Protein backbone atom coordinates (compact mmCIF):
# COMPACT_ATOMS: atom_id res chain seq x y z
CA UNK A 1 -12.43 14.61 -17.33
CA UNK A 2 -14.54 15.47 -14.34
CA UNK A 3 -14.06 11.84 -12.81
CA UNK A 4 -10.38 12.09 -13.15
CA UNK A 5 -10.10 15.46 -11.43
CA UNK A 6 -12.32 14.43 -8.77
CA UNK A 7 -10.32 11.17 -8.18
CA UNK A 8 -7.20 13.44 -7.67
CA UNK A 9 -9.05 15.84 -5.41
CA UNK A 10 -10.36 12.76 -3.34
CA UNK A 11 -6.81 11.51 -2.97
CA UNK A 12 -5.67 14.87 -1.85
CA UNK A 13 -8.58 15.15 0.66
CA UNK A 14 -7.93 11.65 1.98
CA UNK A 15 -4.23 12.35 2.42
CA UNK A 16 -5.03 15.69 4.32
CA UNK A 17 -7.58 14.01 6.43
CA UNK A 18 -5.22 11.23 7.56
CA UNK A 19 -2.43 13.70 8.19
CA UNK A 20 -4.62 15.71 10.43
CA UNK A 21 -5.54 12.70 12.50
CA UNK A 22 -1.88 11.85 12.84
CA UNK A 23 -1.95 8.62 10.79
CA UNK A 24 1.10 6.71 9.52
CA UNK A 25 1.81 5.75 5.95
CA UNK A 26 -0.79 2.94 5.77
CA UNK A 27 -3.48 5.09 7.24
CA UNK A 28 -2.77 7.79 4.58
CA UNK A 29 -3.02 5.17 1.77
CA UNK A 30 -6.15 3.81 3.14
CA UNK A 31 -7.73 7.26 3.33
CA UNK A 32 -6.38 8.17 -0.13
CA UNK A 33 -7.99 4.98 -1.62
CA UNK A 34 -11.36 5.46 0.00
CA UNK A 35 -11.63 9.18 -0.74
CA UNK A 36 -10.45 8.78 -4.20
CA UNK A 37 -13.04 6.06 -4.91
CA UNK A 38 -15.83 8.05 -3.39
CA UNK A 39 -15.04 11.22 -5.12
CA UNK A 40 -14.44 9.48 -8.54
CA UNK A 41 -17.97 7.99 -8.24
CA UNK A 42 -19.42 11.48 -7.47
CA UNK A 43 -17.48 12.86 -10.37
CA UNK A 44 -18.82 10.21 -12.61
CA UNK A 45 -22.30 11.10 -11.61
CA UNK A 46 -21.80 14.79 -12.08
CA UNK A 47 -20.23 13.98 -15.49
CA UNK A 48 -23.28 12.09 -16.56
CA UNK A 49 -25.52 14.87 -15.40
CA UNK A 50 -23.62 17.67 -17.21
CA UNK A 51 -23.64 15.42 -20.39
CA UNK A 52 -27.32 14.82 -20.01
CA UNK A 53 -28.48 18.24 -19.56
CA UNK A 54 -26.08 19.89 -21.91
């Protein structure tokens, strides 16, 4: 569940970052993909840590 929420958060952060930089639709989609991927990996890592130490 943490990985899914982090993926959505990463997509939002990517969209906001591209919007602030004045990017077009393709820039926004690229930033969304990259940030969602990075945040999902972090979310997976945190999910494993929570499960391991719980």
